[in-house]
């Protein structure tokens, strides 16, 4: 699952690339304080990635890799650009091939519809467990095409990543029909066979990808993820604690989502310090969005207007405050966050250079191959990496 998730995230990266470069960011005025600060209008382009994960008994390693590699892939995606704009990212998650799922529905479950909430995505990945079952690749692809809102924007990059180890031909839905439907919706299917490359070819995993001009990959799902420590890790993790203090929880979701943020910090650190660092880097990027519960993001993205927010929706420290006092508080937190994010970015740049020198040419071959494939696909829509 680890490798699969890499693929998934890389797929997301490809999705980021694929988004076309037509639109330039406009500027809108948002009142954060008594003065006005200009912020770019949110980019309307999307990278949409559906991850279809086999959760049968043999896939424990795949799931583990997915959990471990999430933040690597998100970080790679955060560098994607089209002209001067950066696309939005949405990830959907399905599991299939698990005996605990409904057999009448093909042993398939939508774990999460398209979402830009990285904490929710992390939470759902950590909730996955394995258990026997039948793996119907054609049916899970078709199900994701039917259920998800892929949209009709030709500039969006729309990708499916499916991982598993049983023949691609199993089940009542022919994979050729499913991939034909994917082509109609402008969705690219990328396949990841967990096992021998030639075995995946003979069991039609390669054909399943080629029918939509996607990529076929074979991985060793049981290979442990390699985490390389750096001299900058401790400083980045200290900044993560400071970053968390800039969040201002509001509304019905506030306290619950702040607790979820802390929980996913712990899940990342449970793998290694290096993985916790990678999550911190993701949290400092434009892809980490929390407007549904964080007042700083909500005001900046015009989800909330301070003048209209009710006192009972505010956290304890802001209850009873005047609108101007609330604006000043949110503005201060916003500036603190931006400063901390810049510090994390500076340290991470040094960290990336350090790690690149520690890796041998054989380190993370699969990840490198996937990244290269995604970037090649991204060229079709003129994406670049900064």
Protein backbone atom coordinates (compact mmCIF):
# COMPACT_ATOMS: atom_id res chain seq x y z
CA UNK A 1 0.00 0.00 0.00
CA UNK A 2 2.96 2.23 0.62
CA UNK A 3 4.10 2.06 -2.94
CA UNK A 4 0.60 2.35 -4.17
CA UNK A 5 0.02 5.48 -2.28
CA UNK A 6 3.20 6.83 -3.78
CA UNK A 7 1.70 6.09 -7.10
CA UNK A 8 -1.49 7.70 -6.04
CA UNK A 9 0.21 10.82 -4.86
CA UNK A 10 2.41 10.89 -7.90
CA UNK A 11 -0.76 10.48 -9.88
CA UNK A 12 -2.00 13.48 -8.10
CA UNK A 13 1.15 15.21 -9.13
CA UNK A 14 0.49 14.25 -12.71
CA UNK A 15 -2.94 15.60 -12.31
CA UNK A 16 -1.41 18.82 -11.19
CA UNK A 17 0.70 18.87 -14.27
CA UNK A 18 -2.07 18.08 -16.60
CA UNK A 19 -4.10 21.10 -15.69
CA UNK A 20 -3.71 23.50 -18.61
CA UNK A 21 -2.11 26.90 -18.45
CA UNK A 22 -4.86 29.10 -19.76
CA UNK A 23 -5.89 31.18 -16.78
CA UNK A 24 -3.93 33.84 -14.96
CA UNK A 25 -4.76 34.58 -11.34
CA UNK A 26 -6.90 37.67 -10.86
CA UNK A 27 -6.76 39.89 -7.82
CA UNK A 28 -9.52 40.50 -5.35
CA UNK A 29 -9.65 42.74 -2.33
CA UNK A 30 -10.33 41.12 1.03
CA UNK A 31 -10.70 43.08 4.22
CA UNK A 32 -8.58 41.50 6.97
CA UNK A 33 -8.02 44.63 9.02
CA UNK A 34 -8.89 48.27 8.74
CA UNK A 35 -6.68 48.29 5.64
CA UNK A 36 -7.22 46.03 2.62
CA UNK A 37 -4.89 43.27 1.46
CA UNK A 38 -4.98 41.90 -2.08
CA UNK A 39 -5.12 38.12 -2.55
CA UNK A 40 -5.21 36.17 -5.80
CA UNK A 41 -8.53 34.77 -6.85
CA UNK A 42 -8.55 30.99 -6.27
CA UNK A 43 -7.40 29.07 -9.32
CA UNK A 44 -10.33 27.33 -10.99
CA UNK A 45 -8.14 24.54 -12.37
CA UNK A 46 -8.05 21.21 -10.56
CA UNK A 47 -5.89 18.13 -10.30
CA UNK A 48 -8.36 15.34 -9.58
CA UNK A 49 -6.91 12.01 -8.49
CA UNK A 50 -8.90 8.91 -7.60
CA UNK A 51 -6.93 6.27 -5.70
CA UNK A 52 -8.31 2.75 -6.01
CA UNK A 53 -6.60 0.53 -3.45
CA UNK A 54 -6.80 -3.25 -3.19
CA UNK A 55 -7.39 -4.06 0.50
CA UNK A 56 -7.41 -7.83 0.26
CA UNK A 57 -5.22 -9.91 2.59
CA UNK A 58 -2.07 -9.69 0.49
CA UNK A 59 -2.04 -5.90 0.37
CA UNK A 60 -0.91 -4.93 3.90
CA UNK A 61 2.39 -3.68 2.54
CA UNK A 62 0.68 -1.57 -0.09
CA UNK A 63 -1.52 0.16 2.47
CA UNK A 64 1.45 0.78 4.72
CA UNK A 65 3.37 2.38 1.89
CA UNK A 66 0.41 4.58 1.05
CA UNK A 67 0.35 5.91 4.59
CA UNK A 68 4.09 6.49 4.60
CA UNK A 69 4.33 8.17 1.20
CA UNK A 70 1.34 10.51 1.28
CA UNK A 71 3.29 13.61 2.26
CA UNK A 72 6.13 12.93 -0.19
CA UNK A 73 3.65 12.94 -3.02
CA UNK A 74 1.71 15.98 -1.79
CA UNK A 75 4.95 17.90 -1.49
CA UNK A 76 5.93 16.99 -5.04
CA UNK A 77 2.51 18.13 -6.24
CA UNK A 78 2.83 21.45 -4.46
CA UNK A 79 5.65 22.44 -6.84
CA UNK A 80 3.54 22.03 -9.98
CA UNK A 81 2.84 25.26 -11.87
CA UNK A 82 1.09 26.28 -15.04
CA UNK A 83 2.40 29.65 -16.06
CA UNK A 84 2.20 31.70 -12.86
CA UNK A 85 -0.71 29.77 -11.35
CA UNK A 86 -0.85 26.71 -9.14
CA UNK A 87 -3.70 24.21 -9.54
CA UNK A 88 -5.97 23.00 -6.76
CA UNK A 89 -5.70 19.36 -5.68
CA UNK A 90 -8.55 16.97 -4.92
CA UNK A 91 -8.07 13.31 -3.98
CA UNK A 92 -10.73 10.59 -3.79
CA UNK A 93 -10.17 7.21 -2.19
CA UNK A 94 -11.72 3.79 -2.89
CA UNK A 95 -10.98 0.38 -1.46
CA UNK A 96 -11.85 -2.85 -3.24
CA UNK A 97 -11.34 -6.60 -2.89
CA UNK A 98 -12.13 -6.78 0.83
CA UNK A 99 -14.48 -9.48 2.18
CA UNK A 100 -15.97 -7.04 4.66
CA UNK A 101 -17.39 -5.00 1.79
CA UNK A 102 -20.74 -5.58 0.08
CA UNK A 103 -20.43 -8.41 -2.45
CA UNK A 104 -23.51 -7.20 -4.32
CA UNK A 105 -21.62 -3.98 -5.04
CA UNK A 106 -18.47 -5.75 -6.19
CA UNK A 107 -16.64 -5.58 -2.84
CA UNK A 108 -16.11 -1.87 -3.46
CA UNK A 109 -16.41 1.10 -1.08
CA UNK A 110 -16.01 4.80 -1.66
CA UNK A 111 -13.92 5.80 1.33
CA UNK A 112 -13.78 9.48 0.42
CA UNK A 113 -15.21 11.50 -2.47
CA UNK A 114 -13.05 14.21 -4.05
CA UNK A 115 -11.64 16.31 -1.21
CA UNK A 116 -8.95 18.93 -0.74
CA UNK A 117 -8.82 18.25 3.02
CA UNK A 118 -5.43 16.58 3.47
CA UNK A 119 -6.14 15.74 7.11
CA UNK A 120 -9.28 13.82 6.12
CA UNK A 121 -7.36 12.01 3.39
CA UNK A 122 -4.66 11.01 5.88
CA UNK A 123 -7.28 9.91 8.42
CA UNK A 124 -9.04 7.66 5.92
CA UNK A 125 -5.79 6.08 4.74
CA UNK A 126 -4.94 5.19 8.33
CA UNK A 127 -8.38 3.64 8.78
CA UNK A 128 -7.90 1.05 6.01
CA UNK A 129 -7.42 -2.60 6.93
CA UNK A 130 -7.12 -5.76 4.83
CA UNK A 131 -9.27 -8.87 4.63
CA UNK A 132 -9.65 -11.50 1.83
CA UNK A 133 -12.02 -10.86 -1.05
CA UNK A 134 -12.46 -10.67 -4.82
CA UNK A 135 -10.73 -7.94 -6.81
CA UNK A 136 -12.78 -6.53 -9.67
CA UNK A 137 -10.64 -3.89 -11.40
CA UNK A 138 -13.03 -3.04 -14.21
CA UNK A 139 -15.91 -2.57 -11.79
CA UNK A 140 -14.04 -0.33 -9.34
CA UNK A 141 -12.82 1.87 -12.21
CA UNK A 142 -16.37 2.15 -13.57
CA UNK A 143 -17.76 2.83 -10.10
CA UNK A 144 -15.34 5.72 -9.56
CA UNK A 145 -16.23 7.15 -12.97
CA UNK A 146 -19.95 6.99 -12.16
CA UNK A 147 -19.86 8.25 -8.58
CA UNK A 148 -17.27 11.02 -8.59
CA UNK A 149 -17.78 14.56 -9.85
CA UNK A 150 -15.07 14.72 -12.49
CA UNK A 151 -16.36 17.98 -13.95
CA UNK A 152 -16.22 19.14 -17.56
CA UNK A 153 -13.30 21.56 -17.46
CA UNK A 154 -10.95 20.48 -20.26
CA UNK A 155 -8.08 22.13 -18.39
CA UNK A 156 -8.42 19.87 -15.34
CA UNK A 157 -6.10 16.90 -14.97
CA UNK A 158 -8.21 13.84 -14.17
CA UNK A 159 -6.41 10.69 -13.07
CA UNK A 160 -7.18 7.26 -11.70
CA UNK A 161 -4.50 5.21 -9.97
CA UNK A 162 -5.46 1.60 -9.34
CA UNK A 163 -3.21 -0.84 -7.46
CA UNK A 164 -3.57 -4.57 -6.91
CA UNK A 165 -2.18 -8.02 -7.69
CA UNK A 166 -4.96 -10.11 -9.24
CA UNK A 167 -5.79 -10.39 -12.98
CA UNK A 168 -7.23 -7.17 -14.39
CA UNK A 169 -9.92 -9.21 -16.13
CA UNK A 170 -11.85 -10.40 -13.05
CA UNK A 171 -15.46 -9.36 -12.41
CA UNK A 172 -18.57 -8.69 -14.44
CA UNK A 173 -17.43 -5.30 -15.79
CA UNK A 174 -14.95 -5.61 -18.66
CA UNK A 175 -11.96 -3.33 -18.07
CA UNK A 176 -12.01 -2.38 -21.76
CA UNK A 177 -15.52 -0.95 -21.37
CA UNK A 178 -14.51 0.91 -18.20
CA UNK A 179 -11.43 2.44 -19.84
CA UNK A 180 -13.48 3.43 -22.88
CA UNK A 181 -15.75 5.34 -20.51
CA UNK A 182 -12.68 6.90 -18.90
CA UNK A 183 -11.59 8.18 -22.30
CA UNK A 184 -15.03 9.73 -22.83
CA UNK A 185 -14.64 11.61 -19.54
CA UNK A 186 -11.02 12.61 -20.29
CA UNK A 187 -9.78 10.53 -17.35
CA UNK A 188 -6.39 8.78 -17.55
CA UNK A 189 -6.07 5.38 -15.87
CA UNK A 190 -2.68 4.49 -14.39
CA UNK A 191 -2.14 0.93 -13.17
CA UNK A 192 0.19 -0.39 -10.47
CA UNK A 193 0.71 -4.13 -10.31
CA UNK A 194 2.00 -5.38 -6.99
CA UNK A 195 4.38 -8.08 -8.15
CA UNK A 196 6.49 -9.17 -11.10
CA UNK A 197 6.43 -6.76 -14.06
CA UNK A 198 5.87 -9.46 -16.69
CA UNK A 199 3.15 -11.09 -14.61
CA UNK A 200 1.32 -7.77 -14.56
CA UNK A 201 1.65 -7.54 -18.31
CA UNK A 202 0.27 -11.05 -18.86
CA UNK A 203 -2.66 -10.36 -16.51
CA UNK A 204 -3.61 -7.24 -18.54
CA UNK A 205 -2.60 -4.49 -16.09
CA UNK A 206 -0.41 -2.87 -18.75
CA UNK A 207 -3.21 -3.03 -21.31
CA UNK A 208 -5.57 -1.38 -18.81
CA UNK A 209 -3.26 1.64 -18.63
CA UNK A 210 -2.39 1.86 -22.31
CA UNK A 211 -6.03 2.05 -23.36
CA UNK A 212 -6.18 5.56 -21.84
CA UNK A 213 -2.55 6.52 -22.55
CA UNK A 214 -1.79 6.00 -18.87
CA UNK A 215 1.29 4.48 -17.24
CA UNK A 216 1.76 0.88 -16.12
CA UNK A 217 4.05 0.22 -13.16
CA UNK A 218 5.04 -2.88 -11.19
CA UNK A 219 6.13 -2.53 -7.58
CA UNK A 220 7.23 -4.57 -4.60
CA UNK A 221 4.50 -3.61 -2.15
CA UNK A 222 6.38 -5.21 0.75
CA UNK A 223 9.48 -3.05 0.36
CA UNK A 224 9.95 -0.82 3.38
CA UNK A 225 9.88 2.93 2.84
CA UNK A 226 13.28 4.54 3.35
CA UNK A 227 13.25 7.69 5.50
CA UNK A 228 16.42 9.78 5.50
CA UNK A 229 16.98 12.06 8.50
CA UNK A 230 18.51 15.51 8.04
CA UNK A 231 20.14 18.12 10.31
CA UNK A 232 17.13 20.40 9.67
CA UNK A 233 14.42 18.06 10.94
CA UNK A 234 14.30 19.23 14.57
CA UNK A 235 14.01 22.88 13.57
CA UNK A 236 11.20 22.11 11.11
CA UNK A 237 9.28 20.16 13.76
CA UNK A 238 9.62 23.05 16.21
CA UNK A 239 8.15 25.30 13.53
CA UNK A 240 5.27 22.83 13.12
CA UNK A 241 4.26 23.44 16.73
CA UNK A 242 4.36 27.18 16.11
CA UNK A 243 2.39 26.74 12.89
CA UNK A 244 -0.38 24.88 14.72
CA UNK A 245 -0.78 27.82 17.09
CA UNK A 246 -1.74 30.10 14.18
CA UNK A 247 -4.97 28.17 13.56
CA UNK A 248 -8.13 29.83 14.86
CA UNK A 249 -10.90 27.24 15.13
CA UNK A 250 -14.43 28.47 14.48
CA UNK A 251 -17.92 27.04 13.95
CA UNK A 252 -19.29 23.57 14.61
CA UNK A 253 -16.28 21.82 13.07
CA UNK A 254 -13.57 23.88 14.72
CA UNK A 255 -12.51 21.92 17.79
CA UNK A 256 -13.01 18.53 16.10
CA UNK A 257 -10.93 19.47 13.06
CA UNK A 258 -8.17 20.96 15.18
CA UNK A 259 -8.03 17.66 17.08
CA UNK A 260 -7.87 15.80 13.75
CA UNK A 261 -4.94 17.97 12.69
CA UNK A 262 -3.06 16.95 15.84
CA UNK A 263 -4.01 13.30 15.31
CA UNK A 264 -2.56 13.26 11.80
CA UNK A 265 0.61 14.91 13.10
CA UNK A 266 0.90 11.93 15.45
CA UNK A 267 0.16 9.42 12.69
CA UNK A 268 2.96 10.88 10.58
CA UNK A 269 5.44 10.90 13.43
CA UNK A 270 4.48 7.30 14.19
CA UNK A 271 6.36 6.26 11.05
CA UNK A 272 9.45 8.36 11.65
CA UNK A 273 10.66 11.83 12.44
CA UNK A 274 11.39 12.28 8.73
CA UNK A 275 7.78 11.50 7.83
CA UNK A 276 6.55 14.05 10.38
CA UNK A 277 8.86 16.59 8.75
CA UNK A 278 7.38 15.83 5.33
CA UNK A 279 3.87 16.41 6.70
CA UNK A 280 5.00 19.73 8.17
CA UNK A 281 6.28 20.76 4.75
CA UNK A 282 2.91 19.81 3.25
CA UNK A 283 1.12 21.89 5.89
CA UNK A 284 3.17 24.91 4.87
CA UNK A 285 2.14 24.60 1.21
CA UNK A 286 -0.81 26.10 -0.70
CA UNK A 287 -2.40 22.63 -0.91
CA UNK A 288 -3.13 22.50 2.82
CA UNK A 289 -6.52 24.25 3.07
CA UNK A 290 -8.75 24.52 6.12
CA UNK A 291 -11.31 27.23 5.40
CA UNK A 292 -14.14 25.09 6.79
CA UNK A 293 -12.80 25.38 10.35
CA UNK A 294 -9.85 27.80 10.48
CA UNK A 295 -10.79 31.48 10.59
CA UNK A 296 -7.51 32.61 9.01
CA UNK A 297 -8.03 30.50 5.88
CA UNK A 298 -11.76 31.24 5.89
CA UNK A 299 -11.28 34.99 5.80
CA UNK A 300 -8.45 34.86 3.27
CA UNK A 301 -10.47 32.63 0.94
CA UNK A 302 -13.67 34.63 1.53
CA UNK A 303 -15.49 31.73 3.15
CA UNK A 304 -16.31 33.98 6.11
CA UNK A 305 -16.88 37.71 6.46
CA UNK A 306 -15.95 38.93 9.94
CA UNK A 307 -18.81 41.46 10.00
CA UNK A 308 -21.41 38.68 9.77
CA UNK A 309 -19.93 35.95 11.97
CA UNK A 310 -21.90 35.10 15.12
CA UNK A 311 -20.28 35.29 18.53
CA UNK A 312 -21.20 31.67 19.32
CA UNK A 313 -19.16 30.51 16.30
CA UNK A 314 -15.99 32.07 17.66
CA UNK A 315 -13.34 30.42 19.85
CA UNK A 316 -13.16 31.39 23.53
CA UNK A 317 -10.38 33.92 23.01
CA UNK A 318 -12.52 35.93 20.56
CA UNK A 319 -15.93 35.79 22.21
CA UNK A 320 -17.21 39.23 23.14
CA UNK A 321 -14.61 40.99 21.02
CA UNK A 322 -15.48 43.78 18.59
CA UNK A 323 -15.32 43.17 14.85
CA UNK A 324 -12.22 45.34 14.56
CA UNK A 325 -10.52 43.39 17.37
CA UNK A 326 -11.36 40.08 15.65
CA UNK A 327 -9.98 41.37 12.35
CA UNK A 328 -6.77 42.50 14.02
CA UNK A 329 -6.36 39.11 15.74
CA UNK A 330 -6.93 37.15 12.54
CA UNK A 331 -4.59 39.44 10.62
CA UNK A 332 -1.85 38.92 13.21
CA UNK A 333 -2.24 35.13 13.02
CA UNK A 334 -2.15 35.29 9.22
CA UNK A 335 1.13 37.20 9.24
CA UNK A 336 2.61 34.82 11.82
CA UNK A 337 1.64 31.84 9.68
CA UNK A 338 3.13 33.32 6.53
CA UNK A 339 6.40 33.99 8.34
CA UNK A 340 6.53 30.44 9.73
CA UNK A 341 5.68 28.92 6.34
CA UNK A 342 8.55 30.85 4.77
CA UNK A 343 10.92 29.61 7.46
CA UNK A 344 9.81 26.02 6.82
CA UNK A 345 10.27 26.47 3.08
CA UNK A 346 13.80 27.82 3.57
CA UNK A 347 14.80 24.94 5.85
CA UNK A 348 13.17 22.39 3.57
CA UNK A 349 15.16 23.66 0.60
CA UNK A 350 18.34 22.92 2.55
CA UNK A 351 16.90 19.58 3.67
CA UNK A 352 16.13 18.52 0.09
CA UNK A 353 19.71 19.29 -0.98
CA UNK A 354 21.09 17.32 1.98
CA UNK A 355 18.88 14.28 1.32
CA UNK A 356 19.68 14.26 -2.39
CA UNK A 357 23.35 13.85 -1.47
CA UNK A 358 22.59 10.95 0.89
CA UNK A 359 20.59 8.89 -1.59
CA UNK A 360 22.24 6.26 -3.69
CA UNK A 361 21.09 5.81 -7.28
CA UNK A 362 19.16 2.73 -6.17
CA UNK A 363 17.16 4.57 -3.49
CA UNK A 364 13.43 4.90 -4.12
CA UNK A 365 13.65 3.68 -7.71
CA UNK A 366 9.89 3.28 -7.90
CA UNK A 367 9.22 6.75 -6.59
CA UNK A 368 11.66 8.25 -9.05
CA UNK A 369 10.15 6.30 -11.94
CA UNK A 370 6.64 7.40 -10.98
CA UNK A 371 7.64 11.02 -10.63
CA UNK A 372 9.29 10.98 -14.01
CA UNK A 373 6.20 9.40 -15.58
CA UNK A 374 3.94 12.03 -14.06
CA UNK A 375 6.10 14.89 -15.25
CA UNK A 376 6.18 13.45 -18.74
CA UNK A 377 2.39 13.25 -18.77
CA UNK A 378 2.19 16.77 -17.40
CA UNK A 379 4.06 18.11 -20.37
CA UNK A 380 0.97 17.41 -22.47
CA UNK A 381 -0.68 20.36 -20.75
CA UNK A 382 2.44 22.45 -20.35
CA UNK A 383 3.01 22.03 -16.63
CA UNK A 384 6.34 22.77 -15.07
CA UNK A 385 8.02 22.22 -11.71
CA UNK A 386 9.58 25.13 -9.91
